[in-house]
Amino acid sequence: MRESSLYSIGHGNKEIEAFIQELKTFHIEYLVDVRSKPYSKWNPQFNQPTLDLELKNHGITYIYLGEFMGGLPEDKTCYIDGKVVYDLIKEKNFFKEGLERLITANSRNIKLAIMCSETKPQECHRSKLIGQELLKKGISLNHIVSKNMVISQETVINELTKGLGMIDLFGKEKKFTSRKKYE
């Protein structure tokens, strides 16, 4: 596994200044928004136009890839009983195209962070879907958890699986879905 230039971050209810400081700590040049809908009812400082302008003022380029990598795709074949099934998304061409863009950025050593709303990577498709697919390509996503701290994709999955890994006792790979149902 080679060193990764790819990061992830969740905005949660952070102040925009603190969020940007976290990005700057890790010398992020590009913020890739992977929210399906690039708006926040509760944190308007992270609505697409506002966020884009704030980032631009700090020399960070905003890119929206929610249509390729969002955790709530419009493609209804990615849902079973109202839950998003990440194993279905990862087989879709739109997702593969978005993933390829991240792989290319990493190969060029571009400092890039993917962003969603959930603060904890353990609760977000950033780790359960995107991070896992990158790991299969030999790229470990660095999850920003505070101004001076990142945790690796492997650590996040270890926490999610309580140290048991992705393979269960019967040799079956664990499957991740969304936490909530969406109808």
N, C-alpha and C. Protein backbone atom coordinates (compact mmCIF):
# COMPACT_ATOMS: atom_id res chain seq x y z
N MET A 1 0.85 -1.18 0.00
CA MET A 1 0.00 0.00 0.00
C MET A 1 0.89 1.23 0.00
N ARG A 2 0.70 2.08 -1.00
CA ARG A 2 1.51 3.29 -1.05
C ARG A 2 0.79 4.44 -0.36
N GLU A 3 1.54 5.47 0.00
CA GLU A 3 0.95 6.61 0.68
C GLU A 3 -0.12 7.26 -0.19
N SER A 4 -1.20 7.66 0.45
CA SER A 4 -2.33 8.25 -0.26
C SER A 4 -2.35 9.76 -0.09
N SER A 5 -2.72 10.46 -1.16
CA SER A 5 -2.91 11.91 -1.07
C SER A 5 -4.40 12.24 -0.96
N LEU A 6 -5.21 11.20 -0.76
CA LEU A 6 -6.66 11.37 -0.67
C LEU A 6 -7.13 11.37 0.78
N TYR A 7 -8.00 12.32 1.09
CA TYR A 7 -8.53 12.49 2.44
C TYR A 7 -10.06 12.49 2.37
N SER A 8 -10.66 12.39 3.54
CA SER A 8 -12.11 12.57 3.64
C SER A 8 -12.38 13.44 4.85
N ILE A 9 -13.51 14.13 4.80
CA ILE A 9 -13.90 15.01 5.91
C ILE A 9 -15.42 15.13 5.91
N GLY A 10 -15.98 15.22 7.11
CA GLY A 10 -17.41 15.49 7.26
C GLY A 10 -17.59 16.86 7.85
N HIS A 11 -18.58 17.61 7.35
CA HIS A 11 -18.73 18.98 7.85
C HIS A 11 -19.50 19.04 9.17
N GLY A 12 -20.42 18.11 9.40
CA GLY A 12 -21.20 18.16 10.63
C GLY A 12 -21.75 19.55 10.88
N ASN A 13 -21.65 20.02 12.11
CA ASN A 13 -22.13 21.38 12.43
C ASN A 13 -20.96 22.31 12.75
N LYS A 14 -19.83 22.06 12.11
CA LYS A 14 -18.63 22.89 12.34
C LYS A 14 -18.84 24.31 11.81
N GLU A 15 -18.11 25.22 12.40
CA GLU A 15 -18.03 26.57 11.85
C GLU A 15 -17.19 26.47 10.57
N ILE A 16 -17.49 27.27 9.59
CA ILE A 16 -16.78 27.19 8.31
C ILE A 16 -15.29 27.47 8.48
N GLU A 17 -14.94 28.37 9.38
CA GLU A 17 -13.53 28.71 9.60
C GLU A 17 -12.76 27.50 10.15
N ALA A 18 -13.37 26.80 11.10
CA ALA A 18 -12.72 25.62 11.68
C ALA A 18 -12.58 24.51 10.63
N PHE A 19 -13.59 24.35 9.81
CA PHE A 19 -13.57 23.35 8.74
C PHE A 19 -12.43 23.64 7.76
N ILE A 20 -12.30 24.89 7.36
CA ILE A 20 -11.24 25.27 6.42
C ILE A 20 -9.86 25.10 7.06
N GLN A 21 -9.75 25.41 8.35
CA GLN A 21 -8.47 25.20 9.04
C GLN A 21 -8.08 23.72 9.04
N GLU A 22 -9.05 22.84 9.23
CA GLU A 22 -8.77 21.40 9.17
C GLU A 22 -8.22 21.03 7.80
N LEU A 23 -8.84 21.55 6.75
CA LEU A 23 -8.36 21.27 5.39
C LEU A 23 -6.94 21.80 5.19
N LYS A 24 -6.71 23.02 5.65
CA LYS A 24 -5.39 23.64 5.47
C LYS A 24 -4.30 22.89 6.22
N THR A 25 -4.63 22.34 7.38
CA THR A 25 -3.65 21.57 8.15
C THR A 25 -3.05 20.46 7.31
N PHE A 26 -3.86 19.89 6.42
CA PHE A 26 -3.39 18.77 5.60
C PHE A 26 -3.10 19.19 4.15
N HIS A 27 -3.02 20.50 3.92
CA HIS A 27 -2.62 21.07 2.63
C HIS A 27 -3.55 20.64 1.49
N ILE A 28 -4.86 20.58 1.79
CA ILE A 28 -5.85 20.16 0.79
C ILE A 28 -5.98 21.25 -0.27
N GLU A 29 -5.88 20.81 -1.53
CA GLU A 29 -6.00 21.73 -2.67
C GLU A 29 -7.39 21.70 -3.29
N TYR A 30 -8.05 20.55 -3.21
CA TYR A 30 -9.37 20.35 -3.82
C TYR A 30 -10.31 19.72 -2.81
N LEU A 31 -11.53 20.25 -2.72
CA LEU A 31 -12.56 19.63 -1.91
C LEU A 31 -13.60 19.06 -2.86
N VAL A 32 -13.80 17.76 -2.80
CA VAL A 32 -14.76 17.08 -3.67
C VAL A 32 -16.00 16.74 -2.83
N ASP A 33 -17.08 17.40 -3.13
CA ASP A 33 -18.35 17.23 -2.43
C ASP A 33 -19.03 15.96 -2.96
N VAL A 34 -19.19 14.95 -2.08
CA VAL A 34 -19.83 13.70 -2.49
C VAL A 34 -21.21 13.54 -1.84
N ARG A 35 -21.82 14.66 -1.46
CA ARG A 35 -23.20 14.61 -0.97
C ARG A 35 -24.13 14.49 -2.18
N SER A 36 -25.15 13.71 -2.06
CA SER A 36 -26.11 13.59 -3.15
C SER A 36 -26.81 14.92 -3.41
N LYS A 37 -27.07 15.65 -2.34
CA LYS A 37 -27.67 16.98 -2.44
C LYS A 37 -26.72 17.93 -1.72
N PRO A 38 -26.08 18.85 -2.45
CA PRO A 38 -25.03 19.69 -1.86
C PRO A 38 -25.55 20.88 -1.04
N TYR A 39 -26.49 20.57 -0.16
CA TYR A 39 -27.08 21.60 0.68
C TYR A 39 -27.28 21.05 2.08
N SER A 40 -27.34 21.94 3.07
CA SER A 40 -27.59 21.55 4.44
C SER A 40 -28.65 22.46 5.04
N LYS A 41 -29.75 21.87 5.45
CA LYS A 41 -30.84 22.63 6.06
C LYS A 41 -30.38 23.24 7.39
N TRP A 42 -29.56 22.50 8.14
CA TRP A 42 -29.16 22.91 9.47
C TRP A 42 -27.85 23.71 9.49
N ASN A 43 -27.03 23.57 8.46
CA ASN A 43 -25.73 24.24 8.42
C ASN A 43 -25.55 24.92 7.06
N PRO A 44 -26.23 26.06 6.86
CA PRO A 44 -26.23 26.71 5.55
C PRO A 44 -24.85 27.16 5.08
N GLN A 45 -23.88 27.25 5.99
CA GLN A 45 -22.52 27.60 5.59
C GLN A 45 -21.93 26.53 4.68
N PHE A 46 -22.57 25.36 4.62
CA PHE A 46 -22.09 24.28 3.76
C PHE A 46 -22.98 24.06 2.53
N ASN A 47 -23.87 25.02 2.26
CA ASN A 47 -24.61 24.98 1.00
C ASN A 47 -23.64 25.26 -0.13
N GLN A 48 -23.83 24.60 -1.25
CA GLN A 48 -22.87 24.63 -2.34
C GLN A 48 -22.35 26.02 -2.70
N PRO A 49 -23.19 27.01 -2.97
CA PRO A 49 -22.65 28.32 -3.39
C PRO A 49 -21.79 28.99 -2.30
N THR A 50 -22.26 28.91 -1.06
CA THR A 50 -21.53 29.52 0.06
C THR A 50 -20.19 28.82 0.27
N LEU A 51 -20.23 27.49 0.28
CA LEU A 51 -19.01 26.70 0.49
C LEU A 51 -18.00 26.95 -0.63
N ASP A 52 -18.47 26.96 -1.86
CA ASP A 52 -17.59 27.19 -3.01
C ASP A 52 -16.87 28.53 -2.86
N LEU A 53 -17.59 29.57 -2.50
CA LEU A 53 -17.00 30.90 -2.35
C LEU A 53 -15.99 30.93 -1.20
N GLU A 54 -16.35 30.36 -0.06
CA GLU A 54 -15.44 30.34 1.09
C GLU A 54 -14.14 29.60 0.76
N LEU A 55 -14.28 28.46 0.11
CA LEU A 55 -13.09 27.69 -0.26
C LEU A 55 -12.21 28.47 -1.23
N LYS A 56 -12.85 29.08 -2.22
CA LYS A 56 -12.12 29.88 -3.21
C LYS A 56 -11.32 30.99 -2.53
N ASN A 57 -11.91 31.61 -1.52
CA ASN A 57 -11.23 32.68 -0.76
C ASN A 57 -9.99 32.17 -0.03
N HIS A 58 -9.89 30.86 0.14
CA HIS A 58 -8.75 30.25 0.84
C HIS A 58 -7.88 29.41 -0.10
N GLY A 59 -8.08 29.58 -1.41
CA GLY A 59 -7.23 28.90 -2.37
C GLY A 59 -7.52 27.41 -2.53
N ILE A 60 -8.72 26.97 -2.15
CA ILE A 60 -9.11 25.57 -2.30
C ILE A 60 -10.19 25.49 -3.37
N THR A 61 -10.04 24.57 -4.30
CA THR A 61 -11.00 24.41 -5.40
C THR A 61 -12.11 23.45 -5.01
N TYR A 62 -13.36 23.88 -5.21
CA TYR A 62 -14.54 23.07 -4.93
C TYR A 62 -14.95 22.31 -6.18
N ILE A 63 -15.22 21.00 -6.01
CA ILE A 63 -15.69 20.16 -7.12
C ILE A 63 -16.88 19.36 -6.60
N TYR A 64 -17.95 19.32 -7.38
CA TYR A 64 -19.12 18.53 -7.00
C TYR A 64 -19.15 17.23 -7.78
N LEU A 65 -19.14 16.09 -7.05
CA LEU A 65 -19.24 14.77 -7.68
C LEU A 65 -20.35 13.93 -7.05
N GLY A 66 -21.33 14.59 -6.46
CA GLY A 66 -22.43 13.86 -5.82
C GLY A 66 -23.22 12.98 -6.77
N GLU A 67 -23.31 13.39 -8.04
CA GLU A 67 -24.05 12.58 -9.01
C GLU A 67 -23.32 11.27 -9.33
N PHE A 68 -22.01 11.22 -9.06
CA PHE A 68 -21.23 10.01 -9.29
C PHE A 68 -21.02 9.21 -8.00
N MET A 69 -20.86 9.90 -6.88
CA MET A 69 -20.41 9.24 -5.66
C MET A 69 -21.29 9.50 -4.45
N GLY A 70 -22.46 10.07 -4.66
CA GLY A 70 -23.35 10.36 -3.54
C GLY A 70 -23.88 9.10 -2.87
N GLY A 71 -24.16 9.21 -1.60
CA GLY A 71 -24.64 8.07 -0.83
C GLY A 71 -26.12 7.79 -1.00
N LEU A 72 -26.84 8.68 -1.69
CA LEU A 72 -28.27 8.49 -1.96
C LEU A 72 -28.52 8.68 -3.45
N PRO A 73 -28.10 7.71 -4.27
CA PRO A 73 -28.23 7.88 -5.71
C PRO A 73 -29.68 7.94 -6.18
N GLU A 74 -29.88 8.58 -7.31
CA GLU A 74 -31.22 8.64 -7.90
C GLU A 74 -31.62 7.29 -8.49
N ASP A 75 -30.67 6.46 -8.82
CA ASP A 75 -30.91 5.14 -9.39
C ASP A 75 -31.56 4.24 -8.32
N LYS A 76 -32.85 3.98 -8.47
CA LYS A 76 -33.62 3.22 -7.47
C LYS A 76 -33.21 1.75 -7.39
N THR A 77 -32.42 1.26 -8.36
CA THR A 77 -31.96 -0.13 -8.28
C THR A 77 -30.85 -0.29 -7.25
N CYS A 78 -30.43 0.81 -6.63
CA CYS A 78 -29.39 0.76 -5.58
C CYS A 78 -30.00 0.61 -4.19
N TYR A 79 -31.33 0.46 -4.12
CA TYR A 79 -32.02 0.38 -2.84
C TYR A 79 -32.72 -0.98 -2.70
N ILE A 80 -32.70 -1.51 -1.49
CA ILE A 80 -33.49 -2.70 -1.16
C ILE A 80 -34.22 -2.40 0.13
N ASP A 81 -35.53 -2.53 0.11
CA ASP A 81 -36.37 -2.23 1.28
C ASP A 81 -36.07 -0.85 1.86
N GLY A 82 -35.85 0.12 0.98
CA GLY A 82 -35.62 1.49 1.40
C GLY A 82 -34.21 1.82 1.85
N LYS A 83 -33.35 0.82 1.96
CA LYS A 83 -31.96 1.06 2.37
C LYS A 83 -31.06 1.07 1.15
N VAL A 84 -30.08 1.99 1.16
CA VAL A 84 -29.09 2.04 0.10
C VAL A 84 -28.12 0.88 0.32
N VAL A 85 -27.90 0.08 -0.71
CA VAL A 85 -27.00 -1.06 -0.62
C VAL A 85 -25.72 -0.70 -1.38
N TYR A 86 -24.64 -0.51 -0.64
CA TYR A 86 -23.39 -0.04 -1.25
C TYR A 86 -22.82 -1.04 -2.25
N ASP A 87 -23.06 -2.33 -2.06
CA ASP A 87 -22.60 -3.32 -3.03
C ASP A 87 -23.27 -3.13 -4.39
N LEU A 88 -24.47 -2.59 -4.40
CA LEU A 88 -25.15 -2.31 -5.68
C LEU A 88 -24.58 -1.06 -6.33
N ILE A 89 -24.32 -0.03 -5.53
CA ILE A 89 -23.76 1.21 -6.07
C ILE A 89 -22.40 0.97 -6.70
N LYS A 90 -21.54 0.21 -6.03
CA LYS A 90 -20.16 0.06 -6.51
C LYS A 90 -20.08 -0.61 -7.87
N GLU A 91 -21.13 -1.25 -8.32
CA GLU A 91 -21.15 -1.89 -9.64
C GLU A 91 -21.66 -0.96 -10.75
N LYS A 92 -22.15 0.20 -10.37
CA LYS A 92 -22.73 1.13 -11.35
C LYS A 92 -21.63 1.92 -12.06
N ASN A 93 -21.84 2.16 -13.33
CA ASN A 93 -20.86 2.92 -14.12
C ASN A 93 -20.63 4.32 -13.58
N PHE A 94 -21.69 4.98 -13.11
CA PHE A 94 -21.52 6.34 -12.60
C PHE A 94 -20.57 6.34 -11.41
N PHE A 95 -20.68 5.35 -10.53
CA PHE A 95 -19.79 5.28 -9.37
C PHE A 95 -18.36 4.96 -9.80
N LYS A 96 -18.22 4.01 -10.71
CA LYS A 96 -16.88 3.62 -11.19
C LYS A 96 -16.17 4.81 -11.83
N GLU A 97 -16.94 5.65 -12.54
CA GLU A 97 -16.35 6.85 -13.16
C GLU A 97 -15.84 7.82 -12.10
N GLY A 98 -16.63 8.04 -11.06
CA GLY A 98 -16.19 8.91 -9.97
C GLY A 98 -14.98 8.35 -9.25
N LEU A 99 -14.99 7.05 -9.00
CA LEU A 99 -13.86 6.40 -8.33
C LEU A 99 -12.59 6.54 -9.15
N GLU A 100 -12.71 6.39 -10.45
CA GLU A 100 -11.55 6.51 -11.34
C GLU A 100 -10.94 7.91 -11.25
N ARG A 101 -11.78 8.93 -11.10
CA ARG A 101 -11.28 10.30 -10.94
C ARG A 101 -10.43 10.42 -9.67
N LEU A 102 -10.87 9.79 -8.60
CA LEU A 102 -10.11 9.83 -7.35
C LEU A 102 -8.79 9.07 -7.49
N ILE A 103 -8.83 7.93 -8.15
CA ILE A 103 -7.61 7.14 -8.36
C ILE A 103 -6.60 7.92 -9.19
N THR A 104 -7.09 8.62 -10.20
CA THR A 104 -6.21 9.45 -11.03
C THR A 104 -5.60 10.58 -10.20
N ALA A 105 -6.41 11.23 -9.38
CA ALA A 105 -5.90 12.31 -8.52
C ALA A 105 -4.81 11.78 -7.60
N ASN A 106 -5.03 10.61 -7.03
CA ASN A 106 -4.03 10.02 -6.14
C ASN A 106 -2.75 9.70 -6.90
N SER A 107 -2.87 9.18 -8.12
CA SER A 107 -1.67 8.84 -8.90
C SER A 107 -0.87 10.08 -9.24
N ARG A 108 -1.53 11.24 -9.27
CA ARG A 108 -0.85 12.51 -9.54
C ARG A 108 -0.46 13.23 -8.25
N ASN A 109 -0.69 12.56 -7.11
CA ASN A 109 -0.33 13.09 -5.79
C ASN A 109 -1.04 14.41 -5.48
N ILE A 110 -2.28 14.54 -5.95
CA ILE A 110 -3.08 15.74 -5.70
C ILE A 110 -3.68 15.62 -4.30
N LYS A 111 -3.54 16.66 -3.50
CA LYS A 111 -4.10 16.70 -2.15
C LYS A 111 -5.58 17.05 -2.26
N LEU A 112 -6.40 16.05 -2.06
CA LEU A 112 -7.82 16.17 -2.29
C LEU A 112 -8.57 15.56 -1.11
N ALA A 113 -9.67 16.19 -0.72
CA ALA A 113 -10.52 15.62 0.34
C ALA A 113 -11.92 15.46 -0.21
N ILE A 114 -12.50 14.28 0.01
CA ILE A 114 -13.92 14.11 -0.31
C ILE A 114 -14.71 14.52 0.92
N MET A 115 -15.86 15.16 0.72
CA MET A 115 -16.63 15.69 1.83
C MET A 115 -18.07 15.22 1.78
N CYS A 116 -18.59 14.89 2.94
CA CYS A 116 -20.01 14.62 3.10
C CYS A 116 -20.44 15.31 4.40
N SER A 117 -21.65 15.08 4.83
CA SER A 117 -22.14 15.80 6.01
C SER A 117 -21.78 15.12 7.33
N GLU A 118 -21.73 13.80 7.38
CA GLU A 118 -21.48 13.10 8.64
C GLU A 118 -20.06 13.38 9.14
N THR A 119 -19.95 13.80 10.38
CA THR A 119 -18.65 14.08 10.98
C THR A 119 -17.82 12.82 11.14
N LYS A 120 -18.44 11.75 11.64
CA LYS A 120 -17.73 10.51 11.91
C LYS A 120 -17.66 9.65 10.64
N PRO A 121 -16.47 9.31 10.18
CA PRO A 121 -16.38 8.50 8.96
C PRO A 121 -17.03 7.13 9.11
N GLN A 122 -17.13 6.62 10.33
CA GLN A 122 -17.75 5.32 10.57
C GLN A 122 -19.24 5.33 10.22
N GLU A 123 -19.82 6.51 10.12
CA GLU A 123 -21.26 6.64 9.87
C GLU A 123 -21.57 7.06 8.44
N CYS A 124 -20.57 7.10 7.59
CA CYS A 124 -20.75 7.69 6.27
C CYS A 124 -20.31 6.77 5.14
N HIS A 125 -20.91 6.99 3.99
CA HIS A 125 -20.53 6.22 2.80
C HIS A 125 -19.11 6.55 2.34
N ARG A 126 -18.52 7.65 2.87
CA ARG A 126 -17.13 7.96 2.54
C ARG A 126 -16.23 6.79 2.89
N SER A 127 -16.49 6.15 4.03
CA SER A 127 -15.66 5.00 4.43
C SER A 127 -16.27 3.68 3.99
N LYS A 128 -17.57 3.52 4.17
CA LYS A 128 -18.22 2.24 3.91
C LYS A 128 -18.26 1.87 2.43
N LEU A 129 -18.28 2.86 1.57
CA LEU A 129 -18.34 2.62 0.12
C LEU A 129 -17.07 3.11 -0.57
N ILE A 130 -16.86 4.40 -0.58
CA ILE A 130 -15.73 4.98 -1.33
C ILE A 130 -14.40 4.50 -0.76
N GLY A 131 -14.23 4.60 0.54
CA GLY A 131 -12.98 4.17 1.17
C GLY A 131 -12.68 2.71 0.95
N GLN A 132 -13.69 1.87 1.02
CA GLN A 132 -13.49 0.44 0.82
C GLN A 132 -13.11 0.12 -0.62
N GLU A 133 -13.72 0.80 -1.57
CA GLU A 133 -13.38 0.56 -2.98
C GLU A 133 -11.98 1.07 -3.31
N LEU A 134 -11.59 2.20 -2.71
CA LEU A 134 -10.23 2.69 -2.90
C LEU A 134 -9.21 1.72 -2.28
N LEU A 135 -9.55 1.17 -1.12
CA LEU A 135 -8.65 0.23 -0.45
C LEU A 135 -8.39 -0.99 -1.35
N LYS A 136 -9.41 -1.43 -2.06
CA LYS A 136 -9.24 -2.56 -2.99
C LYS A 136 -8.27 -2.21 -4.12
N LYS A 137 -8.09 -0.91 -4.36
CA LYS A 137 -7.15 -0.44 -5.39
C LYS A 137 -5.79 -0.07 -4.79
N GLY A 138 -5.60 -0.40 -3.51
CA GLY A 138 -4.33 -0.12 -2.85
C GLY A 138 -4.18 1.29 -2.32
N ILE A 139 -5.31 1.99 -2.17
CA ILE A 139 -5.29 3.38 -1.70
C ILE A 139 -6.06 3.47 -0.39
N SER A 140 -5.38 3.88 0.69
CA SER A 140 -6.04 4.02 1.99
C SER A 140 -6.44 5.48 2.19
N LEU A 141 -7.74 5.71 2.27
CA LEU A 141 -8.27 7.05 2.49
C LEU A 141 -7.89 7.52 3.89
N ASN A 142 -7.43 8.76 4.00
CA ASN A 142 -7.08 9.39 5.28
C ASN A 142 -8.30 10.19 5.74
N HIS A 143 -8.90 9.80 6.85
CA HIS A 143 -10.10 10.48 7.33
C HIS A 143 -9.72 11.55 8.35
N ILE A 144 -9.99 12.81 8.00
CA ILE A 144 -9.71 13.94 8.89
C ILE A 144 -10.76 13.94 10.00
N VAL A 145 -10.29 13.86 11.25
CA VAL A 145 -11.22 13.87 12.39
C VAL A 145 -11.06 15.12 13.25
N SER A 146 -9.97 15.83 13.09
CA SER A 146 -9.78 17.12 13.75
C SER A 146 -8.63 17.86 13.06
N LYS A 147 -8.34 19.05 13.56
CA LYS A 147 -7.34 19.90 12.90
C LYS A 147 -5.99 19.22 12.70
N ASN A 148 -5.58 18.40 13.61
CA ASN A 148 -4.26 17.77 13.50
C ASN A 148 -4.30 16.26 13.50
N MET A 149 -5.45 15.66 13.20
CA MET A 149 -5.55 14.22 13.33
C MET A 149 -6.32 13.57 12.18
N VAL A 150 -5.73 12.51 11.64
CA VAL A 150 -6.42 11.67 10.66
C VAL A 150 -6.41 10.24 11.17
N ILE A 151 -7.38 9.47 10.72
CA ILE A 151 -7.36 8.03 10.96
C ILE A 151 -7.46 7.34 9.61
N SER A 152 -6.84 6.20 9.50
CA SER A 152 -6.79 5.48 8.23
C SER A 152 -8.10 4.75 7.95
N GLN A 153 -8.29 4.42 6.70
CA GLN A 153 -9.45 3.62 6.30
C GLN A 153 -9.47 2.29 7.06
N GLU A 154 -8.30 1.69 7.22
CA GLU A 154 -8.22 0.41 7.92
C GLU A 154 -8.69 0.54 9.37
N THR A 155 -8.33 1.66 10.02
CA THR A 155 -8.75 1.89 11.40
C THR A 155 -10.26 2.07 11.48
N VAL A 156 -10.83 2.81 10.55
CA VAL A 156 -12.28 3.02 10.53
C VAL A 156 -13.01 1.68 10.39
N ILE A 157 -12.56 0.86 9.46
CA ILE A 157 -13.22 -0.44 9.24
C ILE A 157 -13.02 -1.35 10.45
N ASN A 158 -11.86 -1.27 11.07
CA ASN A 158 -11.61 -2.05 12.28
C ASN A 158 -12.61 -1.66 13.37
N GLU A 159 -12.87 -0.36 13.50
CA GLU A 159 -13.85 0.11 14.48
C GLU A 159 -15.26 -0.34 14.11
N LEU A 160 -15.60 -0.24 12.82
CA LEU A 160 -16.93 -0.64 12.37
C LEU A 160 -17.20 -2.13 12.57
N THR A 161 -16.18 -2.94 12.38
CA THR A 161 -16.35 -4.40 12.48
C THR A 161 -15.92 -4.94 13.83
N LYS A 162 -15.62 -4.03 14.78
CA LYS A 162 -15.19 -4.40 16.13
C LYS A 162 -13.96 -5.32 16.10
N GLY A 163 -13.07 -5.04 15.15
CA GLY A 163 -11.81 -5.78 15.05
C GLY A 163 -11.90 -7.12 14.36
N LEU A 164 -13.07 -7.45 13.84
CA LEU A 164 -13.25 -8.76 13.22
C LEU A 164 -12.99 -8.75 11.71
N GLY A 165 -12.76 -7.57 11.13
CA GLY A 165 -12.46 -7.48 9.71
C GLY A 165 -13.71 -7.63 8.85
N MET A 166 -13.49 -7.63 7.55
CA MET A 166 -14.60 -7.66 6.59
C MET A 166 -15.08 -9.07 6.28
N ILE A 167 -14.37 -10.09 6.73
CA ILE A 167 -14.76 -11.47 6.46
C ILE A 167 -15.27 -12.09 7.76
N ASP A 168 -16.48 -12.67 7.71
CA ASP A 168 -17.02 -13.28 8.93
C ASP A 168 -16.49 -14.69 9.14
N LEU A 169 -16.95 -15.35 10.17
CA LEU A 169 -16.47 -16.69 10.52
C LEU A 169 -16.73 -17.73 9.43
N PHE A 170 -17.68 -17.43 8.55
CA PHE A 170 -18.04 -18.38 7.50
C PHE A 170 -17.45 -18.00 6.15
N GLY A 171 -16.52 -17.05 6.15
CA GLY A 171 -15.84 -16.66 4.93
C GLY A 171 -16.62 -15.71 4.04
N LYS A 172 -17.71 -15.15 4.55
CA LYS A 172 -18.52 -14.21 3.76
C LYS A 172 -18.10 -12.78 4.08
N GLU A 173 -18.06 -11.95 3.03
CA GLU A 173 -17.70 -10.55 3.21
C GLU A 173 -18.88 -9.79 3.81
N LYS A 174 -18.60 -8.94 4.78
CA LYS A 174 -19.64 -8.11 5.39
C LYS A 174 -20.13 -7.11 4.35
N LYS A 175 -21.39 -6.78 4.42
CA LYS A 175 -22.02 -5.83 3.50
C LYS A 175 -22.45 -4.60 4.27
N PHE A 176 -22.21 -3.42 3.69
CA PHE A 176 -22.64 -2.18 4.31
C PHE A 176 -23.83 -1.62 3.56
N THR A 177 -24.74 -1.01 4.32
CA THR A 177 -25.89 -0.31 3.75
C THR A 177 -26.00 1.02 4.47
N SER A 178 -26.94 1.84 4.02
CA SER A 178 -27.21 3.08 4.74
C SER A 178 -27.81 2.74 6.10
N ARG A 179 -27.63 3.64 7.04
CA ARG A 179 -28.18 3.44 8.37
C ARG A 179 -29.69 3.62 8.38
N LYS A 180 -30.18 4.54 7.57
CA LYS A 180 -31.60 4.87 7.55
C LYS A 180 -32.27 4.27 6.32
N LYS A 181 -33.59 4.27 6.36
CA LYS A 181 -34.38 3.88 5.20
C LYS A 181 -34.80 5.15 4.46
N TYR A 182 -34.84 5.06 3.16
CA TYR A 182 -35.25 6.19 2.32
C TYR A 182 -36.32 5.69 1.38
N GLU A 183 -37.49 6.25 1.48
CA GLU A 183 -38.61 5.81 0.63
C GLU A 183 -38.94 6.87 -0.39
